């Protein structure tokens, strides 16, 4: 990540692979959907799911990467920690932009 240093999701010793990256993205989306629903019903519309997925991808910086980089980024032990690190970095950039 630029201006905030690399995020620390702790890359595993496993071979990088799309399957693990996909599983981690699903795990992360499940977590974010639960937060979005405040722990209640996890039933969300397709539109809401798309918006949440775009938000998660933005926080992680995935739109600015190649598919291979996205796979490497998501091949971590704890994708939720990776996402939280992304939120912290994004908050830092917002504070810097606003002069705070």
PDB file of N, CA and C in Angstrom:
ATOM      1  N   UNK A   1       0.848  -1.175   0.000  1.00  0.00           N
ATOM      2  CA  UNK A   1       0.000   0.000   0.000  1.00  0.00           C
ATOM      3  C   UNK A   1       0.881   1.221   0.000  1.00  0.00           C
ATOM      4  N   UNK A   2       0.508   2.183  -0.756  1.00  0.00           N
ATOM      5  CA  UNK A   2       1.285   3.408  -0.783  1.00  0.00           C
ATOM      6  C   UNK A   2       0.973   4.277   0.419  1.00  0.00           C
ATOM      7  N   UNK A   3       1.921   5.062   0.841  1.00  0.00           N
ATOM      8  CA  UNK A   3       1.795   6.026   1.932  1.00  0.00           C
ATOM      9  C   UNK A   3       1.416   5.438   3.270  1.00  0.00           C
ATOM     10  N   UNK A   4       1.178   4.186   3.382  1.00  0.00           N
ATOM     11  CA  UNK A   4       0.807   3.632   4.665  1.00  0.00           C
ATOM     12  C   UNK A   4       1.619   2.393   4.977  1.00  0.00           C
ATOM     13  N   UNK A   5       2.522   2.044   4.093  1.00  0.00           N
ATOM     14  CA  UNK A   5       3.292   0.841   4.282  1.00  0.00           C
ATOM     15  C   UNK A   5       2.457  -0.377   3.926  1.00  0.00           C
ATOM     16  N   UNK A   6       3.085  -1.532   3.885  1.00  0.00           N
ATOM     17  CA  UNK A   6       2.346  -2.745   3.535  1.00  0.00           C
ATOM     18  C   UNK A   6       1.395  -3.153   4.646  1.00  0.00           C
ATOM     19  N   UNK A   7       0.299  -3.751   4.243  1.00  0.00           N
ATOM     20  CA  UNK A   7      -0.645  -4.257   5.235  1.00  0.00           C
ATOM     21  C   UNK A   7      -0.125  -5.582   5.762  1.00  0.00           C
ATOM     22  N   UNK A   8      -0.504  -5.917   6.990  1.00  0.00           N
ATOM     23  CA  UNK A   8       0.093  -7.057   7.669  1.00  0.00           C
ATOM     24  C   UNK A   8      -0.854  -8.215   7.864  1.00  0.00           C
ATOM     25  N   UNK A   9      -1.359  -8.824   6.886  1.00  0.00           N
ATOM     26  CA  UNK A   9      -2.245  -9.949   7.074  1.00  0.00           C
ATOM     27  C   UNK A   9      -1.519 -11.245   7.361  1.00  0.00           C
ATOM     28  N   UNK A  10      -0.237 -11.233   7.514  1.00  0.00           N
ATOM     29  CA  UNK A  10       0.639 -12.385   7.710  1.00  0.00           C
ATOM     30  C   UNK A  10       0.479 -13.423   6.605  1.00  0.00           C
ATOM     31  N   UNK A  11       1.332 -13.314   5.609  1.00  0.00           N
ATOM     32  CA  UNK A  11       1.318 -14.245   4.481  1.00  0.00           C
ATOM     33  C   UNK A  11       1.731 -15.620   4.975  1.00  0.00           C
ATOM     34  N   UNK A  12       1.011 -16.613   4.533  1.00  0.00           N
ATOM     35  CA  UNK A  12       1.268 -17.980   4.977  1.00  0.00           C
ATOM     36  C   UNK A  12       2.408 -18.594   4.181  1.00  0.00           C
ATOM     37  N   UNK A  13       2.834 -19.735   4.637  1.00  0.00           N
ATOM     38  CA  UNK A  13       3.891 -20.461   3.944  1.00  0.00           C
ATOM     39  C   UNK A  13       3.327 -21.290   2.799  1.00  0.00           C
ATOM     40  N   UNK A  14       2.012 -21.293   2.647  1.00  0.00           N
ATOM     41  CA  UNK A  14       1.398 -22.107   1.595  1.00  0.00           C
ATOM     42  C   UNK A  14       1.698 -21.530   0.217  1.00  0.00           C
ATOM     43  N   UNK A  15       1.468 -22.330  -0.781  1.00  0.00           N
ATOM     44  CA  UNK A  15       1.620 -21.885  -2.142  1.00  0.00           C
ATOM     45  C   UNK A  15       0.519 -20.883  -2.452  1.00  0.00           C
ATOM     46  N   UNK A  16       0.905 -19.798  -3.114  1.00  0.00           N
ATOM     47  CA  UNK A  16      -0.100 -18.817  -3.501  1.00  0.00           C
ATOM     48  C   UNK A  16      -1.104 -19.473  -4.431  1.00  0.00           C
ATOM     49  N   UNK A  17      -2.363 -19.187  -4.218  1.00  0.00           N
ATOM     50  CA  UNK A  17      -3.331 -19.796  -5.097  1.00  0.00           C
ATOM     51  C   UNK A  17      -4.660 -19.093  -5.084  1.00  0.00           C
ATOM     52  N   UNK A  18      -5.314 -19.099  -6.230  1.00  0.00           N
ATOM     53  CA  UNK A  18      -6.608 -18.440  -6.346  1.00  0.00           C
ATOM     54  C   UNK A  18      -7.665 -19.028  -5.412  1.00  0.00           C
ATOM     55  N   UNK A  19      -7.604 -20.329  -5.146  1.00  0.00           N
ATOM     56  CA  UNK A  19      -8.621 -20.952  -4.284  1.00  0.00           C
ATOM     57  C   UNK A  19      -8.570 -20.368  -2.876  1.00  0.00           C
ATOM     58  N   UNK A  20      -7.381 -20.272  -2.299  1.00  0.00           N
ATOM     59  CA  UNK A  20      -7.268 -19.711  -0.945  1.00  0.00           C
ATOM     60  C   UNK A  20      -7.649 -18.236  -0.942  1.00  0.00           C
ATOM     61  N   UNK A  21      -7.245 -17.504  -1.956  1.00  0.00           N
ATOM     62  CA  UNK A  21      -7.600 -16.088  -2.043  1.00  0.00           C
ATOM     63  C   UNK A  21      -9.119 -15.935  -2.115  1.00  0.00           C
ATOM     64  N   UNK A  22      -9.772 -16.776  -2.912  1.00  0.00           N
ATOM     65  CA  UNK A  22     -11.221 -16.724  -3.028  1.00  0.00           C
ATOM     66  C   UNK A  22     -11.883 -17.067  -1.695  1.00  0.00           C
ATOM     67  N   UNK A  23     -11.393 -18.093  -1.024  1.00  0.00           N
ATOM     68  CA  UNK A  23     -11.948 -18.470   0.280  1.00  0.00           C
ATOM     69  C   UNK A  23     -11.776 -17.341   1.296  1.00  0.00           C
ATOM     70  N   UNK A  24     -10.621 -16.691   1.271  1.00  0.00           N
ATOM     71  CA  UNK A  24     -10.394 -15.581   2.189  1.00  0.00           C
ATOM     72  C   UNK A  24     -11.292 -14.390   1.874  1.00  0.00           C
ATOM     73  N   UNK A  25     -11.537 -14.146   0.576  1.00  0.00           N
ATOM     74  CA  UNK A  25     -12.435 -13.049   0.218  1.00  0.00           C
ATOM     75  C   UNK A  25     -13.852 -13.355   0.700  1.00  0.00           C
ATOM     76  N   UNK A  26     -14.278 -14.588   0.560  1.00  0.00           N
ATOM     77  CA  UNK A  26     -15.601 -14.992   1.049  1.00  0.00           C
ATOM     78  C   UNK A  26     -15.668 -14.838   2.568  1.00  0.00           C
ATOM     79  N   UNK A  27     -14.617 -15.278   3.255  1.00  0.00           N
ATOM     80  CA  UNK A  27     -14.564 -15.128   4.723  1.00  0.00           C
ATOM     81  C   UNK A  27     -14.660 -13.655   5.120  1.00  0.00           C
ATOM     82  N   UNK A  28     -13.923 -12.817   4.417  1.00  0.00           N
ATOM     83  CA  UNK A  28     -13.945 -11.386   4.705  1.00  0.00           C
ATOM     84  C   UNK A  28     -15.310 -10.785   4.388  1.00  0.00           C
ATOM     85  N   UNK A  29     -15.909 -11.163   3.279  1.00  0.00           N
ATOM     86  CA  UNK A  29     -17.233 -10.646   2.926  1.00  0.00           C
ATOM     87  C   UNK A  29     -18.286 -11.081   3.946  1.00  0.00           C
ATOM     88  N   UNK A  30     -18.170 -12.293   4.459  1.00  0.00           N
ATOM     89  CA  UNK A  30     -19.091 -12.764   5.495  1.00  0.00           C
ATOM     90  C   UNK A  30     -18.973 -11.896   6.737  1.00  0.00           C
ATOM     91  N   UNK A  31     -17.737 -11.563   7.105  1.00  0.00           N
ATOM     92  CA  UNK A  31     -17.498 -10.694   8.260  1.00  0.00           C
ATOM     93  C   UNK A  31     -18.090  -9.300   8.028  1.00  0.00           C
ATOM     94  N   UNK A  32     -17.826  -8.726   6.877  1.00  0.00           N
ATOM     95  CA  UNK A  32     -18.305  -7.376   6.580  1.00  0.00           C
ATOM     96  C   UNK A  32     -19.833  -7.357   6.482  1.00  0.00           C
ATOM     97  N   UNK A  33     -20.426  -8.375   5.884  1.00  0.00           N
ATOM     98  CA  UNK A  33     -21.892  -8.438   5.801  1.00  0.00           C
ATOM     99  C   UNK A  33     -22.502  -8.538   7.190  1.00  0.00           C
ATOM    100  N   UNK A  34     -21.859  -9.286   8.080  1.00  0.00           N
ATOM    101  CA  UNK A  34     -22.341  -9.386   9.458  1.00  0.00           C
ATOM    102  C   UNK A  34     -22.272  -8.031  10.153  1.00  0.00           C
ATOM    103  N   UNK A  35     -21.184  -7.301   9.938  1.00  0.00           N
ATOM    104  CA  UNK A  35     -21.080  -5.948  10.509  1.00  0.00           C
ATOM    105  C   UNK A  35     -22.165  -5.041   9.928  1.00  0.00           C
ATOM    106  N   UNK A  36     -22.374  -5.141   8.627  1.00  0.00           N
ATOM    107  CA  UNK A  36     -23.365  -4.323   7.935  1.00  0.00           C
ATOM    108  C   UNK A  36     -24.769  -4.587   8.493  1.00  0.00           C
ATOM    109  N   UNK A  37     -25.029  -5.836   8.814  1.00  0.00           N
ATOM    110  CA  UNK A  37     -26.344  -6.218   9.349  1.00  0.00           C
ATOM    111  C   UNK A  37     -26.384  -6.131  10.872  1.00  0.00           C
ATOM    112  N   UNK A  38     -25.309  -5.616  11.471  1.00  0.00           N
ATOM    113  CA  UNK A  38     -25.201  -5.465  12.926  1.00  0.00           C
ATOM    114  C   UNK A  38     -25.433  -6.778  13.662  1.00  0.00           C
ATOM    115  N   UNK A  39     -24.914  -7.858  13.078  1.00  0.00           N
ATOM    116  CA  UNK A  39     -25.003  -9.158  13.728  1.00  0.00           C
ATOM    117  C   UNK A  39     -26.367  -9.812  13.613  1.00  0.00           C
ATOM    118  N   UNK A  40     -27.301  -9.142  12.995  1.00  0.00           N
ATOM    119  CA  UNK A  40     -28.640  -9.700  12.839  1.00  0.00           C
ATOM    120  C   UNK A  40     -28.709 -10.573  11.598  1.00  0.00           C
ATOM    121  N   UNK A  41     -29.795 -10.480  10.902  1.00  0.00           N
ATOM    122  CA  UNK A  41     -29.989 -11.240   9.678  1.00  0.00           C
ATOM    123  C   UNK A  41     -28.871 -10.940   8.698  1.00  0.00           C
ATOM    124  N   UNK A  42     -28.347 -11.971   8.081  1.00  0.00           N
ATOM    125  CA  UNK A  42     -27.287 -11.751   7.106  1.00  0.00           C
ATOM    126  C   UNK A  42     -27.844 -11.730   5.690  1.00  0.00           C
ATOM    127  N   UNK A  43     -29.142 -11.577   5.560  1.00  0.00           N
ATOM    128  CA  UNK A  43     -29.764 -11.523   4.258  1.00  0.00           C
ATOM    129  C   UNK A  43     -29.651 -10.102   3.711  1.00  0.00           C
ATOM    130  N   UNK A  44     -28.901  -9.966   2.626  1.00  0.00           N
ATOM    131  CA  UNK A  44     -28.758  -8.665   1.986  1.00  0.00           C
ATOM    132  C   UNK A  44     -29.078  -8.815   0.511  1.00  0.00           C
ATOM    133  N   UNK A  45     -29.448  -7.728  -0.101  1.00  0.00           N
ATOM    134  CA  UNK A  45     -29.793  -7.767  -1.527  1.00  0.00           C
ATOM    135  C   UNK A  45     -28.532  -7.927  -2.368  1.00  0.00           C
ATOM    136  N   UNK A  46     -28.718  -8.294  -3.604  1.00  0.00           N
ATOM    137  CA  UNK A  46     -27.593  -8.413  -4.527  1.00  0.00           C
ATOM    138  C   UNK A  46     -26.877  -7.084  -4.685  1.00  0.00           C
ATOM    139  N   UNK A  47     -27.647  -6.003  -4.731  1.00  0.00           N
ATOM    140  CA  UNK A  47     -27.059  -4.662  -4.845  1.00  0.00           C
ATOM    141  C   UNK A  47     -26.191  -4.351  -3.627  1.00  0.00           C
ATOM    142  N   UNK A  48     -26.706  -4.646  -2.428  1.00  0.00           N
ATOM    143  CA  UNK A  48     -25.934  -4.389  -1.207  1.00  0.00           C
ATOM    144  C   UNK A  48     -24.662  -5.238  -1.182  1.00  0.00           C
ATOM    145  N   UNK A  49     -24.767  -6.483  -1.608  1.00  0.00           N
ATOM    146  CA  UNK A  49     -23.593  -7.361  -1.644  1.00  0.00           C
ATOM    147  C   UNK A  49     -22.547  -6.811  -2.610  1.00  0.00           C
ATOM    148  N   UNK A  50     -22.997  -6.316  -3.752  1.00  0.00           N
ATOM    149  CA  UNK A  50     -22.078  -5.729  -4.727  1.00  0.00           C
ATOM    150  C   UNK A  50     -21.403  -4.484  -4.146  1.00  0.00           C
ATOM    151  N   UNK A  51     -22.158  -3.642  -3.488  1.00  0.00           N
ATOM    152  CA  UNK A  51     -21.598  -2.442  -2.868  1.00  0.00           C
ATOM    153  C   UNK A  51     -20.586  -2.798  -1.779  1.00  0.00           C
ATOM    154  N   UNK A  52     -20.903  -3.793  -0.962  1.00  0.00           N
ATOM    155  CA  UNK A  52     -19.969  -4.219   0.079  1.00  0.00           C
ATOM    156  C   UNK A  52     -18.691  -4.803  -0.533  1.00  0.00           C
ATOM    157  N   UNK A  53     -18.840  -5.598  -1.587  1.00  0.00           N
ATOM    158  CA  UNK A  53     -17.664  -6.181  -2.245  1.00  0.00           C
ATOM    159  C   UNK A  53     -16.781  -5.097  -2.839  1.00  0.00           C
ATOM    160  N   UNK A  54     -17.396  -4.090  -3.441  1.00  0.00           N
ATOM    161  CA  UNK A  54     -16.614  -2.986  -4.001  1.00  0.00           C
ATOM    162  C   UNK A  54     -15.911  -2.202  -2.893  1.00  0.00           C
ATOM    163  N   UNK A  55     -16.581  -2.028  -1.774  1.00  0.00           N
ATOM    164  CA  UNK A  55     -15.988  -1.332  -0.638  1.00  0.00           C
ATOM    165  C   UNK A  55     -14.793  -2.100  -0.091  1.00  0.00           C
ATOM    166  N   UNK A  56     -14.955  -3.405   0.096  1.00  0.00           N
ATOM    167  CA  UNK A  56     -13.861  -4.239   0.593  1.00  0.00           C
ATOM    168  C   UNK A  56     -12.686  -4.187  -0.382  1.00  0.00           C
ATOM    169  N   UNK A  57     -12.962  -4.316  -1.669  1.00  0.00           N
ATOM    170  CA  UNK A  57     -11.896  -4.266  -2.672  1.00  0.00           C
ATOM    171  C   UNK A  57     -11.179  -2.920  -2.633  1.00  0.00           C
ATOM    172  N   UNK A  58     -11.917  -1.843  -2.448  1.00  0.00           N
ATOM    173  CA  UNK A  58     -11.310  -0.512  -2.367  1.00  0.00           C
ATOM    174  C   UNK A  58     -10.398  -0.400  -1.145  1.00  0.00           C
ATOM    175  N   UNK A  59     -10.890  -0.840   0.000  1.00  0.00           N
ATOM    176  CA  UNK A  59     -10.093  -0.773   1.233  1.00  0.00           C
ATOM    177  C   UNK A  59      -8.798  -1.563   1.084  1.00  0.00           C
ATOM    178  N   UNK A  60      -8.866  -2.713   0.430  1.00  0.00           N
ATOM    179  CA  UNK A  60      -7.676  -3.540   0.239  1.00  0.00           C
ATOM    180  C   UNK A  60      -6.776  -3.032  -0.887  1.00  0.00           C
ATOM    181  N   UNK A  61      -7.280  -2.138  -1.714  1.00  0.00           N
ATOM    182  CA  UNK A  61      -6.494  -1.640  -2.836  1.00  0.00           C
ATOM    183  C   UNK A  61      -6.523  -2.552  -4.037  1.00  0.00           C
ATOM    184  N   UNK A  62      -7.453  -3.478  -4.076  1.00  0.00           N
ATOM    185  CA  UNK A  62      -7.518  -4.460  -5.162  1.00  0.00           C
ATOM    186  C   UNK A  62      -7.802  -3.830  -6.528  1.00  0.00           C
ATOM    187  N   UNK A  63      -8.651  -2.793  -6.635  1.00  0.00           N
ATOM    188  CA  UNK A  63      -8.898  -2.240  -7.971  1.00  0.00           C
ATOM    189  C   UNK A  63      -7.637  -1.732  -8.666  1.00  0.00           C
ATOM    190  N   UNK A  64      -6.599  -1.407  -7.914  1.00  0.00           N
ATOM    191  CA  UNK A  64      -5.366  -0.876  -8.497  1.00  0.00           C
ATOM    192  C   UNK A  64      -4.313  -1.965  -8.708  1.00  0.00           C
ATOM    193  N   UNK A  65      -4.699  -3.232  -8.644  1.00  0.00           N
ATOM    194  CA  UNK A  65      -3.730  -4.321  -8.769  1.00  0.00           C
ATOM    195  C   UNK A  65      -4.091  -5.241  -9.921  1.00  0.00           C
ATOM    196  N   UNK A  66      -3.166  -6.109 -10.248  1.00  0.00           N
ATOM    197  CA  UNK A  66      -3.449  -7.157 -11.227  1.00  0.00           C
ATOM    198  C   UNK A  66      -4.140  -8.308 -10.502  1.00  0.00           C
ATOM    199  N   UNK A  67      -4.677  -9.241 -11.241  1.00  0.00           N
ATOM    200  CA  UNK A  67      -5.325 -10.408 -10.636  1.00  0.00           C
ATOM    201  C   UNK A  67      -4.317 -11.199  -9.808  1.00  0.00           C
ATOM    202  N   UNK A  68      -3.090 -11.324 -10.306  1.00  0.00           N
ATOM    203  CA  UNK A  68      -2.066 -12.064  -9.578  1.00  0.00           C
ATOM    204  C   UNK A  68      -1.722 -11.369  -8.260  1.00  0.00           C
ATOM    205  N   UNK A  69      -1.643 -10.034  -8.284  1.00  0.00           N
ATOM    206  CA  UNK A  69      -1.367  -9.287  -7.057  1.00  0.00           C
ATOM    207  C   UNK A  69      -2.513  -9.430  -6.058  1.00  0.00           C
ATOM    208  N   UNK A  70      -3.742  -9.437  -6.558  1.00  0.00           N
ATOM    209  CA  UNK A  70      -4.895  -9.603  -5.672  1.00  0.00           C
ATOM    210  C   UNK A  70      -4.862 -10.976  -5.002  1.00  0.00           C
ATOM    211  N   UNK A  71      -4.485 -12.008  -5.758  1.00  0.00           N
ATOM    212  CA  UNK A  71      -4.367 -13.354  -5.190  1.00  0.00           C
ATOM    213  C   UNK A  71      -3.301 -13.354  -4.108  1.00  0.00           C
ATOM    214  N   UNK A  72      -2.136 -12.754  -4.397  1.00  0.00           N
ATOM    215  CA  UNK A  72      -1.061 -12.690  -3.394  1.00  0.00           C
ATOM    216  C   UNK A  72      -1.518 -11.925  -2.164  1.00  0.00           C
ATOM    217  N   UNK A  73      -2.233 -10.844  -2.365  1.00  0.00           N
ATOM    218  CA  UNK A  73      -2.688 -10.010  -1.252  1.00  0.00           C
ATOM    219  C   UNK A  73      -3.636 -10.787  -0.342  1.00  0.00           C
ATOM    220  N   UNK A  74      -4.486 -11.607  -0.926  1.00  0.00           N
ATOM    221  CA  UNK A  74      -5.496 -12.321  -0.148  1.00  0.00           C
ATOM    222  C   UNK A  74      -5.019 -13.668   0.378  1.00  0.00           C
ATOM    223  N   UNK A  75      -3.799 -14.062   0.060  1.00  0.00           N
ATOM    224  CA  UNK A  75      -3.264 -15.336   0.560  1.00  0.00           C
ATOM    225  C   UNK A  75      -2.606 -15.079   1.916  1.00  0.00           C
ATOM    226  N   UNK A  76      -3.441 -14.851   2.924  1.00  0.00           N
ATOM    227  CA  UNK A  76      -2.983 -14.532   4.274  1.00  0.00           C
ATOM    228  C   UNK A  76      -3.688 -15.429   5.281  1.00  0.00           C
ATOM    229  N   UNK A  77      -3.152 -15.464   6.480  1.00  0.00           N
ATOM    230  CA  UNK A  77      -3.777 -16.239   7.544  1.00  0.00           C
ATOM    231  C   UNK A  77      -5.068 -15.599   8.022  1.00  0.00           C
ATOM    232  N   UNK A  78      -5.110 -14.266   8.070  1.00  0.00           N
ATOM    233  CA  UNK A  78      -6.260 -13.566   8.634  1.00  0.00           C
ATOM    234  C   UNK A  78      -6.700 -12.420   7.722  1.00  0.00           C
ATOM    235  N   UNK A  79      -7.612 -12.697   6.786  1.00  0.00           N
ATOM    236  CA  UNK A  79      -8.042 -11.638   5.870  1.00  0.00           C
ATOM    237  C   UNK A  79      -8.782 -10.505   6.582  1.00  0.00           C
ATOM    238  N   UNK A  80      -9.378 -10.790   7.718  1.00  0.00           N
ATOM    239  CA  UNK A  80     -10.081  -9.738   8.461  1.00  0.00           C
ATOM    240  C   UNK A  80      -9.065  -8.743   9.023  1.00  0.00           C
ATOM    241  N   UNK A  81      -7.939  -9.238   9.506  1.00  0.00           N
ATOM    242  CA  UNK A  81      -6.860  -8.347   9.967  1.00  0.00           C
ATOM    243  C   UNK A  81      -6.334  -7.511   8.801  1.00  0.00           C
ATOM    244  N   UNK A  82      -6.193  -8.127   7.644  1.00  0.00           N
ATOM    245  CA  UNK A  82      -5.753  -7.414   6.449  1.00  0.00           C
ATOM    246  C   UNK A  82      -6.703  -6.263   6.137  1.00  0.00           C
ATOM    247  N   UNK A  83      -7.997  -6.530   6.207  1.00  0.00           N
ATOM    248  CA  UNK A  83      -9.015  -5.517   5.945  1.00  0.00           C
ATOM    249  C   UNK A  83      -8.954  -4.399   6.992  1.00  0.00           C
ATOM    250  N   UNK A  84      -8.794  -4.778   8.256  1.00  0.00           N
ATOM    251  CA  UNK A  84      -8.687  -3.762   9.318  1.00  0.00           C
ATOM    252  C   UNK A  84      -7.456  -2.883   9.107  1.00  0.00           C
ATOM    253  N   UNK A  85      -6.347  -3.498   8.700  1.00  0.00           N
ATOM    254  CA  UNK A  85      -5.147  -2.716   8.394  1.00  0.00           C
ATOM    255  C   UNK A  85      -5.419  -1.748   7.242  1.00  0.00           C
ATOM    256  N   UNK A  86      -6.179  -2.210   6.256  1.00  0.00           N
ATOM    257  CA  UNK A  86      -6.550  -1.347   5.135  1.00  0.00           C
ATOM    258  C   UNK A  86      -7.400  -0.178   5.581  1.00  0.00           C
ATOM    259  N   UNK A  87      -8.330  -0.439   6.496  1.00  0.00           N
ATOM    260  CA  UNK A  87      -9.164   0.646   7.035  1.00  0.00           C
ATOM    261  C   UNK A  87      -8.313   1.663   7.784  1.00  0.00           C
ATOM    262  N   UNK A  88      -7.356   1.174   8.564  1.00  0.00           N
ATOM    263  CA  UNK A  88      -6.469   2.073   9.304  1.00  0.00           C
ATOM    264  C   UNK A  88      -5.651   2.929   8.345  1.00  0.00           C
ATOM    265  N   UNK A  89      -5.110   2.316   7.298  1.00  0.00           N
ATOM    266  CA  UNK A  89      -4.333   3.057   6.301  1.00  0.00           C
ATOM    267  C   UNK A  89      -5.209   4.084   5.586  1.00  0.00           C
ATOM    268  N   UNK A  90      -6.436   3.697   5.259  1.00  0.00           N
ATOM    269  CA  UNK A  90      -7.363   4.614   4.600  1.00  0.00           C
ATOM    270  C   UNK A  90      -7.709   5.782   5.521  1.00  0.00           C
ATOM    271  N   UNK A  91      -7.939   5.507   6.801  1.00  0.00           N
ATOM    272  CA  UNK A  91      -8.196   6.579   7.775  1.00  0.00           C
ATOM    273  C   UNK A  91      -7.014   7.540   7.842  1.00  0.00           C
ATOM    274  N   UNK A  92      -5.809   6.994   7.825  1.00  0.00           N
ATOM    275  CA  UNK A  92      -4.604   7.825   7.861  1.00  0.00           C
ATOM    276  C   UNK A  92      -4.502   8.734   6.644  1.00  0.00           C
ATOM    277  N   UNK A  93      -4.814   8.176   5.479  1.00  0.00           N
ATOM    278  CA  UNK A  93      -4.780   8.992   4.256  1.00  0.00           C
ATOM    279  C   UNK A  93      -5.857  10.064   4.295  1.00  0.00           C
ATOM    280  N   UNK A  94      -7.022   9.735   4.819  1.00  0.00           N
ATOM    281  CA  UNK A  94      -8.097  10.727   4.934  1.00  0.00           C
ATOM    282  C   UNK A  94      -7.702  11.839   5.892  1.00  0.00           C
ATOM    283  N   UNK A  95      -7.131  11.472   7.039  1.00  0.00           N
ATOM    284  CA  UNK A  95      -6.678  12.473   7.996  1.00  0.00           C
ATOM    285  C   UNK A  95      -5.630  13.388   7.386  1.00  0.00           C
ATOM    286  N   UNK A  96      -4.677  12.799   6.659  1.00  0.00           N
ATOM    287  CA  UNK A  96      -3.624  13.599   6.022  1.00  0.00           C
ATOM    288  C   UNK A  96      -4.217  14.534   4.980  1.00  0.00           C
ATOM    289  N   UNK A  97      -5.186  14.036   4.210  1.00  0.00           N
ATOM    290  CA  UNK A  97      -5.804  14.860   3.176  1.00  0.00           C
ATOM    291  C   UNK A  97      -6.606  16.011   3.776  1.00  0.00           C
ATOM    292  N   UNK A  98      -7.179  15.769   4.945  1.00  0.00           N
ATOM    293  CA  UNK A  98      -7.985  16.802   5.591  1.00  0.00           C
ATOM    294  C   UNK A  98      -7.170  17.677   6.535  1.00  0.00           C
ATOM    295  N   UNK A  99      -5.869  17.402   6.580  1.00  0.00           N
ATOM    296  CA  UNK A  99      -4.996  18.210   7.419  1.00  0.00           C
ATOM    297  C   UNK A  99      -5.068  17.886   8.894  1.00  0.00           C
ATOM    298  N   UNK A 100      -5.557  16.691   9.224  1.00  0.00           N
ATOM    299  CA  UNK A 100      -5.738  16.306  10.631  1.00  0.00           C
ATOM    300  C   UNK A 100      -4.651  15.514  11.096  1.00  0.00           C
TER     301      UNK A 100
END
